[in-house]
Protein backbone atom coordinates (compact mmCIF):
# COMPACT_ATOMS: atom_id res chain seq x y z
CA MET A 1 124.62 168.77 167.94
CA THR A 2 121.61 167.58 169.24
CA THR A 3 119.55 169.03 166.31
CA ASN A 4 121.96 167.53 163.76
CA TYR A 5 121.78 164.12 165.41
CA SER A 6 117.88 164.26 165.29
CA ASN A 7 117.90 165.16 161.64
CA SER A 8 120.23 162.51 160.78
CA PHE A 9 118.13 160.06 162.87
CA THR A 10 114.92 161.16 160.87
CA ARG A 11 116.48 160.81 157.81
CA ALA A 12 117.71 157.30 158.32
CA LEU A 13 114.45 156.21 159.79
CA PHE A 14 112.68 157.72 156.73
CA ILE A 15 114.85 155.82 154.36
CA LYS A 16 114.43 152.53 156.17
CA LEU A 17 110.50 152.93 156.15
CA GLN A 18 110.64 153.89 152.47
CA PHE A 19 112.81 150.44 151.78
CA VAL A 20 110.30 148.49 154.03
CA PHE A 21 107.44 149.82 152.17
CA LEU A 22 108.91 149.01 148.76
CA LEU A 23 109.62 145.36 149.96
CA PHE A 24 106.06 145.32 151.25
CA LEU A 25 104.66 146.37 147.88
CA PHE A 26 107.05 143.94 145.86
CA SER A 27 105.77 141.06 148.01
CA CYS A 28 102.26 141.97 147.60
CA SER A 29 102.78 142.41 143.87
CA LYS A 30 104.41 139.12 143.64
CA ASN A 31 101.74 137.22 145.83
CA THR A 32 98.80 138.72 143.76
CA GLU A 33 100.33 138.21 140.38
CA PRO A 34 97.65 136.23 138.35
CA GLN A 35 98.84 132.70 137.77
CA SER A 36 98.56 131.11 134.43
CA PRO A 37 95.84 128.64 134.27
CA PRO A 38 96.98 125.03 134.09
CA ILE A 39 97.00 123.45 130.42
CA ILE A 40 94.04 121.01 129.96
CA THR A 41 94.19 118.62 126.87
CA PRO A 42 90.82 117.92 125.43
CA PRO A 43 89.95 114.43 124.80
CA LEU A 44 90.29 113.22 121.57
CA THR A 45 86.95 113.01 119.74
CA GLY A 46 85.64 111.60 116.39
CA THR A 47 86.27 108.31 114.49
CA PRO A 48 89.80 106.99 114.64
CA VAL A 49 91.68 105.99 111.79
CA ILE A 50 92.74 102.17 112.15
CA THR A 51 95.86 100.75 111.10
CA ILE A 52 95.98 96.81 110.89
CA THR A 53 99.35 95.01 110.89
CA THR A 54 99.80 91.24 110.64
CA LEU A 55 102.38 90.35 113.47
CA LEU A 56 102.30 86.57 113.13
CA SER A 57 100.91 83.92 110.49
CA ASN A 58 100.94 80.26 110.21
CA GLN A 59 100.75 79.55 113.90
CA GLY A 60 97.52 77.47 113.92
CA ILE A 61 94.97 78.52 116.39
CA ILE A 62 96.31 81.05 118.88
CA TRP A 63 93.64 80.41 121.61
CA GLY A 64 95.17 82.74 124.53
CA PHE A 65 97.84 85.21 124.66
CA ASP A 66 99.27 88.01 126.90
CA PHE A 67 101.97 90.55 127.17
CA LEU A 68 105.34 90.30 129.35
CA PRO A 69 106.41 93.67 131.14
CA ASN A 70 108.87 94.10 128.29
CA GLY A 71 106.39 94.09 125.59
CA ASN A 72 106.84 90.57 124.42
CA LEU A 73 104.07 88.39 123.81
CA LEU A 74 103.59 84.74 125.18
CA PHE A 75 100.84 82.66 123.18
CA THR A 76 99.10 79.40 123.49
CA GLN A 77 98.48 77.13 120.34
CA LYS A 78 95.29 74.74 120.80
CA THR A 79 97.34 71.88 119.41
CA GLY A 80 99.24 71.80 123.04
CA THR A 81 102.43 74.34 122.38
CA MET A 82 103.39 77.55 123.67
CA ARG A 83 105.43 80.23 121.99
CA LEU A 84 107.30 83.48 122.88
CA TYR A 85 107.34 86.10 120.39
CA ASP A 86 109.85 88.89 120.80
CA THR A 87 108.67 92.19 119.58
CA THR A 88 111.88 93.70 118.85
CA THR A 89 113.89 90.92 117.26
CA LEU A 90 110.56 89.33 115.61
CA SER A 91 111.65 86.05 116.65
CA ASN A 92 109.46 83.27 117.60
CA ALA A 93 110.49 80.62 120.17
CA LEU A 94 108.80 77.45 121.45
CA ILE A 95 108.30 76.84 125.19
CA THR A 96 109.86 73.93 126.80
CA GLY A 97 108.59 72.09 129.75
CA LEU A 98 104.57 71.71 129.16
CA PRO A 99 103.01 68.61 130.40
CA SER A 100 102.68 65.56 128.00
CA THR A 101 99.15 65.00 128.96
CA ILE A 102 97.50 68.12 126.96
CA SER A 103 94.79 66.71 124.77
CA ALA A 104 93.60 68.75 122.00
CA ALA A 105 90.51 66.47 121.29
CA GLY A 106 87.24 68.29 120.11
CA GLN A 107 87.27 71.68 121.57
CA GLY A 108 89.88 70.87 124.03
CA GLY A 109 93.94 71.98 124.00
CA LEU A 110 96.02 74.34 125.50
CA LEU A 111 93.69 77.10 126.11
CA ASP A 112 94.02 80.34 127.63
CA LEU A 113 97.11 82.18 129.20
CA VAL A 114 97.68 85.22 131.41
CA ILE A 115 100.65 86.72 132.90
CA SER A 116 100.48 87.08 136.69
CA PRO A 117 99.94 90.74 138.34
CA ASP A 118 103.25 90.16 140.26
CA TYR A 119 105.22 88.83 137.21
CA ALA A 120 107.97 91.19 137.52
CA THR A 121 108.99 89.62 140.77
CA SER A 122 107.65 86.24 140.53
CA ARG A 123 107.81 85.47 136.85
CA THR A 124 104.54 83.29 137.26
CA VAL A 125 102.14 82.54 134.08
CA TYR A 126 98.65 80.92 134.65
CA VAL A 127 97.27 78.83 131.98
CA THR A 128 94.13 76.33 131.15
CA TYR A 129 94.27 73.18 129.24
CA CYS A 130 92.55 69.89 128.71
CA ILE A 131 94.37 66.50 129.65
CA THR A 132 93.82 63.03 128.18
CA GLY A 133 90.27 61.87 128.83
CA GLY A 134 88.46 65.25 128.83
CA PHE A 135 89.49 66.83 132.08
CA LEU A 136 90.13 70.49 132.25
CA SER A 137 92.97 71.95 134.42
CA LEU A 138 94.02 75.38 135.67
CA ALA A 139 98.04 75.62 136.45
CA ARG A 140 100.45 78.01 136.76
CA PHE A 141 104.37 77.81 136.29
CA THR A 142 107.35 79.97 136.33
CA LEU A 143 108.74 81.33 133.13
CA ASN A 144 112.67 81.20 132.66
CA GLY A 145 113.75 82.21 129.35
CA THR A 146 112.02 79.93 127.09
CA ALA A 147 111.46 77.14 129.75
CA ALA A 148 108.27 76.64 131.85
CA THR A 149 109.37 75.55 135.23
CA ASN A 150 107.93 74.82 138.66
CA TRP A 151 104.60 73.46 136.95
CA GLN A 152 101.66 73.60 139.73
CA VAL A 153 98.14 72.33 139.02
CA LEU A 154 95.73 74.44 140.96
CA HIS A 155 92.40 72.70 140.04
CA THR A 156 91.33 70.05 137.71
CA THR A 157 87.77 69.17 137.28
CA GLU A 158 86.47 66.13 139.20
CA SER A 159 84.78 64.66 136.16
CA ALA A 160 85.35 64.58 132.45
CA SER A 161 83.85 66.27 129.40
CA THR A 162 83.38 62.93 127.71
CA TRP A 163 82.30 64.65 124.47
CA ASN A 164 85.28 66.74 124.58
CA GLY A 165 83.28 70.05 124.43
CA HIS A 166 82.20 73.27 126.28
CA PHE A 167 85.32 73.80 128.48
CA GLY A 168 85.25 77.64 128.42
CA SER A 169 87.99 78.49 129.54
CA ARG A 170 88.96 82.06 130.28
CA ILE A 171 91.19 83.55 132.91
CA ALA A 172 91.35 87.23 134.05
CA PHE A 173 92.60 89.09 137.06
CA GLY A 174 90.01 91.22 138.70
CA PRO A 175 90.83 94.73 140.43
CA ASP A 176 90.43 92.94 143.64
CA GLY A 177 93.39 90.98 143.31
CA LYS A 178 91.70 87.55 142.57
CA LEU A 179 91.74 84.97 139.87
CA TYR A 180 88.61 84.41 137.79
CA TRP A 181 88.21 81.34 135.67
CA SER A 182 85.36 80.57 133.38
CA VAL A 183 84.59 76.85 133.00
CA GLY A 184 82.01 75.48 130.75
CA GLU A 185 79.21 72.82 131.30
CA GLY A 186 81.54 69.87 130.12
CA GLY A 187 79.40 66.66 130.78
CA GLY A 188 78.14 64.29 128.52
CA GLY A 189 76.67 66.60 125.93
CA SER A 190 74.59 69.88 125.71
CA LEU A 191 70.93 69.89 125.88
CA GLY A 192 68.71 72.62 127.50
CA GLY A 193 65.55 72.17 129.45
CA ALA A 194 64.23 71.08 132.82
CA SER A 195 64.33 67.22 132.02
CA SER A 196 67.89 67.58 130.34
CA PRO A 197 70.34 65.00 131.70
CA HIS A 198 73.17 67.65 131.66
CA GLN A 199 72.76 69.77 134.84
CA ASN A 200 76.23 70.71 135.55
CA GLY A 201 75.39 74.47 135.45
CA GLN A 202 73.10 74.08 138.38
CA ARG A 203 75.07 71.43 140.49
CA LEU A 204 77.13 73.25 142.97
CA ASN A 205 79.22 70.10 143.55
CA THR A 206 81.22 70.53 140.28
CA LEU A 207 83.62 72.89 138.89
CA TRP A 208 81.64 72.41 135.54
CA GLY A 209 79.33 75.27 134.31
CA LYS A 210 80.88 78.15 136.57
CA ILE A 211 82.50 81.43 136.87
CA HIS A 212 85.23 80.84 139.72
CA ARG A 213 86.98 83.25 141.70
CA MET A 214 90.11 82.30 143.77
CA ASN A 215 93.28 83.56 145.36
CA LEU A 216 96.50 83.55 143.45
CA ASP A 217 97.46 80.09 144.88
CA GLY A 218 94.07 78.80 143.97
CA THR A 219 92.55 78.84 147.59
CA ILE A 220 89.07 80.04 148.48
CA PRO A 221 88.78 83.74 149.45
CA ALA A 222 87.18 84.38 152.60
CA ASP A 223 84.57 86.61 151.03
CA ASN A 224 83.34 84.46 148.26
CA PRO A 225 79.62 83.97 148.14
CA LEU A 226 77.83 81.36 150.18
CA LEU A 227 75.64 79.57 147.72
CA PRO A 228 72.25 78.02 148.42
CA GLY A 229 72.45 74.93 150.07
CA GLN A 230 76.21 75.21 151.02
CA THR A 231 77.54 75.26 154.35
CA VAL A 232 81.12 76.29 153.42
CA ARG A 233 82.22 78.61 150.65
CA SER A 234 83.75 77.31 147.60
CA THR A 235 85.64 79.00 144.50
CA ILE A 236 82.24 79.46 142.77
CA PHE A 237 81.50 83.01 142.32
CA SER A 238 78.53 82.50 139.70
CA TYR A 239 76.86 79.41 138.22
CA GLY A 240 74.34 78.47 135.34
CA HIS A 241 76.66 78.91 132.64
CA ARG A 242 76.86 77.02 129.42
CA ASN A 243 80.19 77.92 127.70
CA PRO A 244 81.58 81.38 128.67
CA GLN A 245 84.80 82.02 126.42
CA GLY A 246 85.20 85.56 126.84
CA MET A 247 85.62 87.55 130.18
CA ALA A 248 86.67 91.17 130.74
CA PHE A 249 86.45 93.74 133.66
CA GLU A 250 85.43 97.50 132.61
CA PRO A 251 88.40 99.63 133.58
CA THR A 252 86.46 102.50 134.73
CA SER A 253 83.87 100.51 136.65
CA ASN A 254 85.53 97.19 137.80
CA ARG A 255 82.40 95.59 136.51
CA LEU A 256 82.81 92.15 135.33
CA PHE A 257 81.30 91.25 131.67
CA VAL A 258 81.17 87.70 130.21
CA ASN A 259 80.02 86.33 127.13
CA GLU A 260 78.48 82.91 126.45
CA HIS A 261 77.58 80.60 123.64
CA GLY A 262 73.98 79.67 123.45
CA PRO A 263 72.59 76.65 121.87
CA SER A 264 70.71 77.28 118.54
CA GLY A 265 70.38 80.98 119.04
CA GLY A 266 70.60 82.75 122.62
CA CYS A 267 74.44 83.62 122.49
CA GLU A 268 74.52 86.27 125.77
CA LEU A 269 76.54 88.94 127.12
CA ASN A 270 76.14 89.03 130.80
CA ARG A 271 77.35 91.27 133.91
CA VAL A 272 78.32 88.65 136.55
CA GLN A 273 77.91 89.36 140.13
CA ALA A 274 78.97 87.20 143.14
CA GLY A 275 76.22 84.44 143.65
CA GLU A 276 74.21 84.95 140.68
CA ASN A 277 72.36 82.10 138.73
CA PHE A 278 72.41 82.71 135.05
CA GLY A 279 69.84 79.70 134.32
CA TRP A 280 71.62 77.05 132.14
CA PRO A 281 70.44 74.42 131.44
CA LEU A 282 66.92 75.45 132.60
CA TYR A 283 66.62 78.72 131.01
CA SER A 284 67.75 80.32 127.47
CA THR A 285 66.51 82.54 124.81
CA GLY A 286 67.58 80.05 122.35
CA VAL A 287 66.32 76.72 121.47
CA ASN A 288 68.12 73.02 121.39
CA TYR A 289 69.67 72.07 118.06
CA ASP A 290 67.06 69.65 117.61
CA GLY A 291 64.45 72.55 117.59
CA THR A 292 62.90 71.61 120.93
CA THR A 293 61.92 74.36 123.57
CA ILE A 294 64.21 75.01 126.42
CA SER A 295 62.10 77.64 128.39
CA ASN A 296 59.67 80.19 127.85
CA GLY A 297 61.81 83.31 128.03
CA HIS A 298 64.70 83.58 130.55
CA ASN A 299 62.82 85.24 133.34
CA ALA A 300 62.26 83.40 136.40
CA PRO A 301 62.86 84.15 140.24
CA GLY A 302 66.52 84.03 141.11
CA ILE A 303 67.41 83.67 137.53
CA VAL A 304 69.60 86.69 136.03
CA ALA A 305 68.61 87.33 132.21
CA PRO A 306 71.33 88.28 129.92
CA LEU A 307 72.02 91.95 129.25
CA LYS A 308 72.15 91.18 125.32
CA SER A 309 71.42 88.20 123.56
CA TRP A 310 71.90 87.28 119.82
CA THR A 311 69.83 84.86 117.47
CA PRO A 312 70.97 83.33 115.18
CA ALA A 313 73.96 82.26 117.24
CA LEU A 314 77.24 84.31 116.66
CA ALA A 315 79.57 81.83 118.85
CA PRO A 316 81.14 84.66 120.95
CA ALA A 317 84.95 84.34 121.83
CA GLY A 318 87.15 86.80 123.34
CA LEU A 319 86.39 89.95 125.08
CA THR A 320 88.04 93.18 125.87
CA PHE A 321 87.33 96.89 126.55
CA ILE A 322 88.92 99.60 124.41
CA ASN A 323 91.21 101.59 127.06
CA HIS A 324 93.22 104.23 125.12
CA ALA A 325 92.55 107.83 124.13
CA SER A 326 93.81 107.39 120.75
CA PHE A 327 90.70 105.52 119.87
CA ARG A 328 88.83 108.67 120.18
CA ASP A 329 84.86 108.08 120.48
CA TRP A 330 85.41 104.20 120.54
CA ASN A 331 87.40 104.62 123.94
CA GLY A 332 85.32 102.62 126.72
CA ASN A 333 83.30 100.54 124.30
CA LEU A 334 83.37 96.73 124.41
CA LEU A 335 85.08 94.31 121.84
CA MET A 336 83.98 90.92 121.08
CA GLY A 337 85.03 88.14 118.66
CA SER A 338 82.77 86.03 116.83
CA LEU A 339 83.70 82.38 115.74
CA GLY A 340 80.28 81.91 113.65
CA ARG A 341 79.93 85.04 111.83
CA ARG A 342 83.65 85.54 111.74
CA GLN A 343 83.61 89.05 112.81
CA LEU A 344 85.22 91.55 115.33
CA LEU A 345 82.24 93.39 116.99
CA MET A 346 82.49 96.73 118.88
CA ILE A 347 79.50 97.17 121.49
CA ARG A 348 78.89 100.64 122.66
CA MET A 349 78.62 100.85 126.38
CA THR A 350 76.82 103.23 128.35
CA ASN A 351 76.80 102.88 132.16
CA GLY A 352 77.40 99.21 131.65
CA VAL A 353 74.55 98.80 129.48
CA PRO A 354 75.23 97.31 125.92
CA GLY A 355 73.87 99.51 122.92
CA THR A 356 74.58 99.48 119.26
CA GLU A 357 76.96 97.22 117.49
CA THR A 358 79.44 97.93 114.80
CA ILE A 359 81.53 95.68 112.59
CA LEU A 360 84.93 96.39 112.68
CA LEU A 361 86.47 93.30 111.00
CA GLU A 362 84.82 90.84 108.80
CA ASN A 363 85.29 88.00 106.20
CA ASN A 364 89.09 87.80 107.93
CA GLY A 365 88.10 84.40 109.56
CA ARG A 366 87.14 83.01 112.98
CA ILE A 367 88.10 85.47 115.67
CA ARG A 368 89.45 83.62 118.65
CA ASN A 369 90.54 86.05 120.99
CA VAL A 370 90.73 90.06 121.37
CA LYS A 371 92.79 91.83 124.09
CA MET A 372 93.88 95.49 124.82
CA GLY A 373 97.55 95.53 124.66
CA PRO A 374 100.33 97.92 125.95
CA ALA A 375 101.17 101.17 123.93
CA GLY A 376 97.43 101.57 123.03
CA LYS A 377 97.12 98.45 120.68
CA ILE A 378 94.48 95.91 120.23
CA TYR A 379 95.47 92.34 119.34
CA VAL A 380 93.11 89.95 117.59
CA SER A 381 93.91 86.23 116.97
CA VAL A 382 92.39 84.90 113.95
CA GLU A 383 92.14 81.09 113.42
CA ASP A 384 92.17 81.22 109.67
CA GLY A 385 95.78 81.43 108.68
CA GLY A 386 96.99 81.11 112.40
CA ARG A 387 97.21 85.08 112.71
CA LEU A 388 97.75 87.53 115.04
CA LEU A 389 96.86 91.15 114.17
CA SER A 390 97.57 94.46 115.86
CA LEU A 391 95.18 97.35 115.56
CA THR A 392 96.69 101.13 116.14
CA ALA A 393 94.43 104.11 116.08
CA LYS A 394 95.08 107.74 115.52
């Protein structure tokens, strides 16, 4: 009986060992089974095919526009009105509650408009506009349906543009969560040169002729630059500007780019960094309208020369980066409107350096603004015919 028990025990142990061994082999086989490589979709390349659609017409000068989270579009009209375009119903409603003091004299009017980054919870919209007498204001309000409520003026220029010219005036939100506001030189006119009586661009005690950086409530960030001669920080981020009407952050690098109207020639594209002086009215690659010289070049100690300049002048306006894969080889390039040449230009960008230009639209009218919108579409406002276009790529 001892022998039989031993044999039975041996057979049972052998079976258990076989079972454990098979489990081990199965486990090893499972763990060492080659994994399928991840599927990587190569980026689209080549030249995109562009479809242009007219969304709006007969709307006057659409100076600024931006997109609500639901895809609807809010836009300003230079004459002093604002409208909401419903992209589903294609209806177009007037916004009530705007100030009665908006002045559209000269280059003024109801200008730029941007949706606050926290709009989903705050319903806040920021606008710039000129008021009676030639002053420029930055304000914010709450959008309730088609009514502007809780209107709050954040800043107003301390003096007027008595000739109603060179207001700027673009707004952009930086990746740092701050609000950036471009303001033209204003004053009593525009004349370049050391003896010019119009020195707002170089004066650090005025809002005119600057790029400003501020918190969303209009207050001064603690890390704003301390400028020469200042003992306290201000909203001024950079200075020496003539009439900056386009402003955009590069999505891949967070660098800030600004375009600017020159006098007779000398329109500029600049990369703007904290505390920099861009020279106006002391330096320009252009000349005054009367043909007199402004400066011998644009290079001097402490003065930032433009990345790119244009002579004859092209009167640059809106500015945006292409930021969607459907645009293929164009993705990452810079788009700029031209009022003077009536063109939409694409500027090839390489590590922040502008290169060759391609005309994407021409003979369509004065291009006032261009902006990358939702769903990979580019939106363009054209003054002639009061139109808003969308550009779709495939």
